[in-house]
C-alpha atoms as a PDB file:
ATOM      1  CA  MET A   1      -0.129  -0.107   0.066  1.00  0.00           C
ATOM      2  CA  ASN A   2       1.327   3.462  -0.880  1.00  0.00           C
ATOM      3  CA  GLU A   3       1.057   6.527   1.145  1.00  0.00           C
ATOM      4  CA  ALA A   4      -1.583   8.202  -0.935  1.00  0.00           C
ATOM      5  CA  ASP A   5      -3.811   5.032  -0.790  1.00  0.00           C
ATOM      6  CA  ALA A   6      -3.306   4.950   3.017  1.00  0.00           C
ATOM      7  CA  LEU A   7      -4.230   8.478   3.525  1.00  0.00           C
ATOM      8  CA  VAL A   8      -7.390   7.924   1.650  1.00  0.00           C
ATOM      9  CA  VAL A   9      -8.346   4.912   3.666  1.00  0.00           C
ATOM     10  CA  VAL A  10      -7.371   6.497   7.085  1.00  0.00           C
ATOM     11  CA  LYS A  11      -9.159   9.718   6.245  1.00  0.00           C
ATOM     12  CA  ARG A  12     -12.536   7.551   5.805  1.00  0.00           C
ATOM     13  CA  ALA A  13     -11.874   5.608   8.974  1.00  0.00           C
ATOM     14  CA  LEU A  14     -11.125   8.439  11.310  1.00  0.00           C
ATOM     15  CA  LYS A  15     -13.058  11.609  12.507  1.00  0.00           C
ATOM     16  CA  PRO A  16     -11.528  14.879  11.271  1.00  0.00           C
ATOM     17  CA  GLN A  17      -9.715  15.829  14.407  1.00  0.00           C
ATOM     18  CA  ARG A  18      -8.263  12.401  14.673  1.00  0.00           C
ATOM     19  CA  PHE A  19      -7.188  12.578  10.968  1.00  0.00           C
ATOM     20  CA  SER A  20      -5.606  15.894  11.730  1.00  0.00           C
ATOM     21  CA  HIS A  21      -3.574  14.240  14.525  1.00  0.00           C
ATOM     22  CA  THR A  22      -2.452  11.606  12.081  1.00  0.00           C
ATOM     23  CA  GLU A  23      -1.122  14.255   9.650  1.00  0.00           C
ATOM     24  CA  ARG A  24       0.865  15.929  12.448  1.00  0.00           C
ATOM     25  CA  VAL A  25       2.274  12.519  13.602  1.00  0.00           C
ATOM     26  CA  VAL A  26       3.411  11.800  10.015  1.00  0.00           C
ATOM     27  CA  GLU A  27       5.164  15.197   9.943  1.00  0.00           C
ATOM     28  CA  THR A  28       6.769  14.785  13.263  1.00  0.00           C
ATOM     29  CA  ALA A  29       7.946  11.248  12.336  1.00  0.00           C
ATOM     30  CA  THR A  30       9.398  12.492   9.149  1.00  0.00           C
ATOM     31  CA  GLN A  31      11.344  15.244  11.019  1.00  0.00           C
ATOM     32  CA  LEU A  32      12.654  12.536  13.546  1.00  0.00           C
ATOM     33  CA  ALA A  33      13.586  10.061  10.758  1.00  0.00           C
ATOM     34  CA  ASP A  34      15.387  12.996   9.020  1.00  0.00           C
ATOM     35  CA  LYS A  35      17.521  13.511  12.255  1.00  0.00           C
ATOM     36  CA  TYR A  36      17.825  10.046  13.517  1.00  0.00           C
ATOM     37  CA  GLY A  37      17.537   7.761  10.430  1.00  0.00           C
ATOM     38  CA  GLY A  38      15.537   4.636  10.153  1.00  0.00           C
ATOM     39  CA  ALA A  39      13.392   3.325   7.070  1.00  0.00           C
ATOM     40  CA  LYS A  40      11.521   6.618   6.239  1.00  0.00           C
ATOM     41  CA  ASP A  41       8.969   4.655   4.118  1.00  0.00           C
ATOM     42  CA  VAL A  42       8.174   2.371   6.941  1.00  0.00           C
ATOM     43  CA  ILE A  43       7.881   5.215   9.275  1.00  0.00           C
ATOM     44  CA  ARG A  44       5.676   7.233   7.345  1.00  0.00           C
ATOM     45  CA  LEU A  45       3.309   4.566   6.422  1.00  0.00           C
ATOM     46  CA  ALA A  46       3.275   3.354   9.986  1.00  0.00           C
ATOM     47  CA  ALA A  47       2.489   6.941  11.174  1.00  0.00           C
ATOM     48  CA  ILE A  48      -0.337   7.268   8.507  1.00  0.00           C
ATOM     49  CA  LEU A  49      -1.928   3.876   9.785  1.00  0.00           C
ATOM     50  CA  HIS A  50      -1.215   4.074  13.472  1.00  0.00           C
ATOM     51  CA  ASP A  51      -4.865   5.135  14.366  1.00  0.00           C
ATOM     52  CA  TYR A  52      -6.464   3.062  11.677  1.00  0.00           C
ATOM     53  CA  ALA A  53      -8.773   1.234  14.299  1.00  0.00           C
ATOM     54  CA  LYS A  54      -9.174   4.180  16.710  1.00  0.00           C
ATOM     55  CA  HIS A  55     -12.866   4.565  16.069  1.00  0.00           C
ATOM     56  CA  ARG A  56     -13.806   0.827  15.643  1.00  0.00           C
ATOM     57  CA  PRO A  57     -16.526  -0.365  18.087  1.00  0.00           C
ATOM     58  CA  LEU A  58     -14.992  -1.484  21.394  1.00  0.00           C
ATOM     59  CA  GLU A  59     -16.852  -4.904  21.233  1.00  0.00           C
ATOM     60  CA  GLU A  60     -15.546  -5.442  17.661  1.00  0.00           C
ATOM     61  CA  MET A  61     -11.977  -4.956  18.891  1.00  0.00           C
ATOM     62  CA  LYS A  62     -12.440  -6.949  22.033  1.00  0.00           C
ATOM     63  CA  ASN A  63     -13.769  -9.765  19.929  1.00  0.00           C
ATOM     64  CA  SER A  64     -10.881  -9.429  17.448  1.00  0.00           C
ATOM     65  CA  VAL A  65      -8.450  -9.948  20.356  1.00  0.00           C
ATOM     66  CA  GLN A  66     -10.340 -13.092  21.442  1.00  0.00           C
ATOM     67  CA  ALA A  67     -10.743 -14.438  18.006  1.00  0.00           C
ATOM     68  CA  ASN A  68      -7.064 -13.960  16.784  1.00  0.00           C
ATOM     69  CA  GLY A  69      -4.389 -15.998  18.076  1.00  0.00           C
ATOM     70  CA  THR A  70      -1.571 -13.445  17.304  1.00  0.00           C
ATOM     71  CA  ILE A  71      -2.819 -10.528  19.630  1.00  0.00           C
ATOM     72  CA  PRO A  72      -1.953 -11.012  23.113  1.00  0.00           C
ATOM     73  CA  ASP A  73      -5.028 -11.721  25.182  1.00  0.00           C
ATOM     74  CA  ASP A  74      -3.719  -9.983  28.166  1.00  0.00           C
ATOM     75  CA  VAL A  75      -4.063  -6.635  26.322  1.00  0.00           C
ATOM     76  CA  LEU A  76      -7.839  -6.833  27.393  1.00  0.00           C
ATOM     77  CA  LEU A  77      -6.678  -6.465  30.992  1.00  0.00           C
ATOM     78  CA  TYR A  78      -4.891  -3.113  30.720  1.00  0.00           C
ATOM     79  CA  GLY A  79      -7.500  -0.666  29.428  1.00  0.00           C
ATOM     80  CA  ASP A  80      -9.430  -0.086  26.268  1.00  0.00           C
ATOM     81  CA  GLU A  81      -7.111   2.674  25.199  1.00  0.00           C
ATOM     82  CA  LEU A  82      -4.580   0.068  24.264  1.00  0.00           C
ATOM     83  CA  LEU A  83      -6.832  -2.013  21.923  1.00  0.00           C
ATOM     84  CA  HIS A  84      -6.703   0.264  18.712  1.00  0.00           C
ATOM     85  CA  ALA A  85      -2.796  -0.265  18.596  1.00  0.00           C
ATOM     86  CA  PHE A  86      -2.895  -4.106  18.693  1.00  0.00           C
ATOM     87  CA  VAL A  87      -5.981  -4.685  16.957  1.00  0.00           C
ATOM     88  CA  GLY A  88      -5.192  -1.772  14.465  1.00  0.00           C
ATOM     89  CA  ALA A  89      -1.936  -3.725  13.326  1.00  0.00           C
ATOM     90  CA  HIS A  90      -3.949  -6.785  12.724  1.00  0.00           C
ATOM     91  CA  TYR A  91      -6.646  -4.791  10.624  1.00  0.00           C
ATOM     92  CA  VAL A  92      -3.941  -3.165   8.659  1.00  0.00           C
ATOM     93  CA  LYS A  93      -2.486  -6.585   7.797  1.00  0.00           C
ATOM     94  CA  GLU A  94      -5.774  -8.265   7.056  1.00  0.00           C
ATOM     95  CA  GLU A  95      -7.902  -5.589   5.633  1.00  0.00           C
ATOM     96  CA  LEU A  96      -5.359  -3.304   3.807  1.00  0.00           C
ATOM     97  CA  GLY A  97      -2.889  -6.167   2.901  1.00  0.00           C
ATOM     98  CA  VAL A  98       0.198  -4.522   4.579  1.00  0.00           C
ATOM     99  CA  LYS A  99       2.532  -7.325   5.185  1.00  0.00           C
ATOM    100  CA  ASP A 100       5.745  -5.370   6.130  1.00  0.00           C
ATOM    101  CA  GLU A 101       6.465  -6.525   9.653  1.00  0.00           C
ATOM    102  CA  ALA A 102       8.346  -3.335  10.519  1.00  0.00           C
ATOM    103  CA  VAL A 103       5.213  -1.244   9.617  1.00  0.00           C
ATOM    104  CA  LEU A 104       2.940  -3.612  11.733  1.00  0.00           C
ATOM    105  CA  SER A 105       5.351  -3.547  14.674  1.00  0.00           C
ATOM    106  CA  ALA A 106       5.417   0.264  14.695  1.00  0.00           C
ATOM    107  CA  ILE A 107       1.633   0.591  14.739  1.00  0.00           C
ATOM    108  CA  CYS A 108       1.180  -2.388  17.370  1.00  0.00           C
ATOM    109  CA  TRP A 109       3.548  -0.810  19.860  1.00  0.00           C
ATOM    110  CA  HIS A 110       2.802   2.891  19.208  1.00  0.00           C
ATOM    111  CA  THR A 111       0.892   3.130  22.705  1.00  0.00           C
ATOM    112  CA  THR A 112       2.742   0.996  25.008  1.00  0.00           C
ATOM    113  CA  GLY A 113       6.368   0.821  23.711  1.00  0.00           C
ATOM    114  CA  ARG A 114       8.217  -2.521  24.138  1.00  0.00           C
ATOM    115  CA  GLU A 115      11.638  -3.848  25.003  1.00  0.00           C
ATOM    116  CA  ASN A 116      14.076  -3.795  22.238  1.00  0.00           C
ATOM    117  CA  MET A 117      12.187  -1.213  19.907  1.00  0.00           C
ATOM    118  CA  THR A 118      13.622  -0.603  16.493  1.00  0.00           C
ATOM    119  CA  ILE A 119      14.331   2.835  15.299  1.00  0.00           C
ATOM    120  CA  GLU A 120      11.093   2.825  13.481  1.00  0.00           C
ATOM    121  CA  ASP A 121       9.133   1.687  16.603  1.00  0.00           C
ATOM    122  CA  LYS A 122      10.775   4.496  18.482  1.00  0.00           C
ATOM    123  CA  ILE A 123      10.064   7.247  16.062  1.00  0.00           C
ATOM    124  CA  VAL A 124       6.429   6.356  15.569  1.00  0.00           C
ATOM    125  CA  PHE A 125       5.841   5.918  19.284  1.00  0.00           C
ATOM    126  CA  LEU A 126       7.552   9.353  20.038  1.00  0.00           C
ATOM    127  CA  ALA A 127       5.918  11.247  17.178  1.00  0.00           C
ATOM    128  CA  ASP A 128       2.487  10.099  18.518  1.00  0.00           C
ATOM    129  CA  PHE A 129       3.446  11.486  21.940  1.00  0.00           C
ATOM    130  CA  ILE A 130       5.029  14.864  20.891  1.00  0.00           C
ATOM    131  CA  GLU A 131       3.088  15.984  17.621  1.00  0.00           C
ATOM    132  CA  PRO A 132       2.400  19.662  18.000  1.00  0.00           C
ATOM    133  CA  GLY A 133      -1.233  19.288  18.905  1.00  0.00           C
ATOM    134  CA  ARG A 134      -0.156  17.621  22.078  1.00  0.00           C
ATOM    135  CA  THR A 135      -0.245  20.518  24.400  1.00  0.00           C
ATOM    136  CA  PHE A 136       0.249  19.046  27.839  1.00  0.00           C
ATOM    137  CA  GLU A 137       3.477  19.931  29.788  1.00  0.00           C
ATOM    138  CA  ALA A 138       5.036  16.532  29.464  1.00  0.00           C
ATOM    139  CA  ALA A 139       4.897  16.646  25.574  1.00  0.00           C
ATOM    140  CA  GLU A 140       6.609  19.940  25.476  1.00  0.00           C
ATOM    141  CA  LYS A 141       9.380  18.590  27.834  1.00  0.00           C
ATOM    142  CA  VAL A 142       9.719  15.392  25.637  1.00  0.00           C
ATOM    143  CA  ARG A 143       9.868  17.737  22.448  1.00  0.00           C
ATOM    144  CA  ILE A 144      12.915  19.315  23.944  1.00  0.00           C
ATOM    145  CA  THR A 145      14.607  16.161  24.675  1.00  0.00           C
ATOM    146  CA  ALA A 146      13.795  14.688  21.167  1.00  0.00           C
ATOM    147  CA  ALA A 147      15.613  17.411  19.541  1.00  0.00           C
ATOM    148  CA  GLN A 148      18.733  16.118  21.263  1.00  0.00           C
ATOM    149  CA  ASP A 149      18.326  12.310  21.987  1.00  0.00           C
ATOM    150  CA  LEU A 150      15.902   9.887  20.664  1.00  0.00           C
ATOM    151  CA  ASP A 151      16.321   7.235  23.279  1.00  0.00           C
ATOM    152  CA  LYS A 152      16.123   9.695  26.172  1.00  0.00           C
ATOM    153  CA  ALA A 153      12.964  11.220  24.707  1.00  0.00           C
ATOM    154  CA  CYS A 154      11.434   7.703  24.621  1.00  0.00           C
ATOM    155  CA  LEU A 155      12.499   7.166  28.233  1.00  0.00           C
ATOM    156  CA  GLU A 156      10.751  10.421  29.367  1.00  0.00           C
ATOM    157  CA  CYS A 157       7.623   9.544  27.356  1.00  0.00           C
ATOM    158  CA  LEU A 158       7.617   6.340  29.091  1.00  0.00           C
ATOM    159  CA  ILE A 159       8.135   7.711  32.688  1.00  0.00           C
ATOM    160  CA  HIS A 160       5.355  10.196  31.909  1.00  0.00           C
ATOM    161  CA  THR A 161       3.030   7.338  30.854  1.00  0.00           C
ATOM    162  CA  ILE A 162       3.726   5.073  33.939  1.00  0.00           C
ATOM    163  CA  CYS A 163       3.398   7.831  36.298  1.00  0.00           C
ATOM    164  CA  TYR A 164       0.099   9.005  34.651  1.00  0.00           C
ATOM    165  CA  LEU A 165      -1.361   5.482  34.865  1.00  0.00           C
ATOM    166  CA  THR A 166      -0.067   4.692  38.425  1.00  0.00           C
ATOM    167  CA  ASN A 167      -1.313   8.042  39.817  1.00  0.00           C
ATOM    168  CA  LYS A 168      -4.826   7.250  38.274  1.00  0.00           C
ATOM    169  CA  GLY A 169      -4.327   3.838  40.098  1.00  0.00           C
ATOM    170  CA  VAL A 170      -4.803   1.717  36.926  1.00  0.00           C
ATOM    171  CA  PRO A 171      -2.499  -1.279  35.646  1.00  0.00           C
ATOM    172  CA  VAL A 172       0.376  -0.465  33.346  1.00  0.00           C
ATOM    173  CA  TYR A 173       0.826  -2.914  30.354  1.00  0.00           C
ATOM    174  CA  PRO A 174       3.949  -5.196  31.355  1.00  0.00           C
ATOM    175  CA  GLU A 175       5.701  -4.321  27.969  1.00  0.00           C
ATOM    176  CA  THR A 176       5.659  -0.562  29.042  1.00  0.00           C
ATOM    177  CA  PHE A 177       7.723  -1.511  32.168  1.00  0.00           C
ATOM    178  CA  LYS A 178       9.921  -3.647  29.981  1.00  0.00           C
ATOM    179  CA  ALA A 179      10.533  -0.769  27.466  1.00  0.00           C
ATOM    180  CA  TYR A 180      11.190   1.605  30.442  1.00  0.00           C
ATOM    181  CA  ASN A 181      14.071  -0.835  31.901  1.00  0.00           C
ATOM    182  CA  ASP A 182      15.360  -1.319  28.385  1.00  0.00           C
ATOM    183  CA  PHE A 183      15.815   2.441  27.875  1.00  0.00           C
ATOM    184  CA  ALA A 184      16.914   3.233  31.548  1.00  0.00           C
ATOM    185  CA  LEU A 185      19.695   0.440  31.437  1.00  0.00           C
ATOM    186  CA  LYS A 186      20.813   1.396  28.067  1.00  0.00           C
ATOM    187  CA  ILE A 187      21.171   5.237  28.965  1.00  0.00           C
ATOM    188  CA  SER A 188      22.652   4.534  32.298  1.00  0.00           C
ATOM    189  CA  SER A 189      25.284   2.195  30.727  1.00  0.00           C
ATOM    190  CA  MET A 190      26.049   4.535  28.077  1.00  0.00           C
ATOM    191  CA  GLU A 191      26.387   7.570  30.637  1.00  0.00           C
ATOM    192  CA  GLY A 192      28.651   5.240  32.802  1.00  0.00           C
ATOM    193  CA  GLU A 193      31.134   4.826  29.833  1.00  0.00           C
ATOM    194  CA  ARG A 194      31.669   8.520  29.596  1.00  0.00           C
END
């Protein structure tokens, strides 16, 4: 699927405000790819498609998790906000015929992060958090860090997400903690070498 076709499909699938968010994520992801590298075609396509399932009915997404052997069942335990990422990757593959595992991975993990994220995963994850329409204080802080260090920006994003969820007293998806530890260990190890 090329970018033009993906944009048409996504524009039909999303409400106008969410489509505007998607356009900003694509622009931000492109800027990050220009700075940090990665496969720009993968990054841009994943950014376009990352919220493909955002407005699907909740019951449809839950049923898709239960009916599909490749989506982890435990995602159902950690809040409805995560479903569109995991199910979205599945729908993009099945409905749109996108088979590129790098694109599907970046879509799947754009809300939770994961251990050993690829550069494409990191950029889509981060772009979704810092696109200019995000006006909360943490997004601005992470934007500043993103201009200097991709991994530190991802770590800050994860810290904010974990703190936000734990302050609300809701469970945090285990892969988010694994992602946090992965970045924290990597960064502390690199700083220890200096």
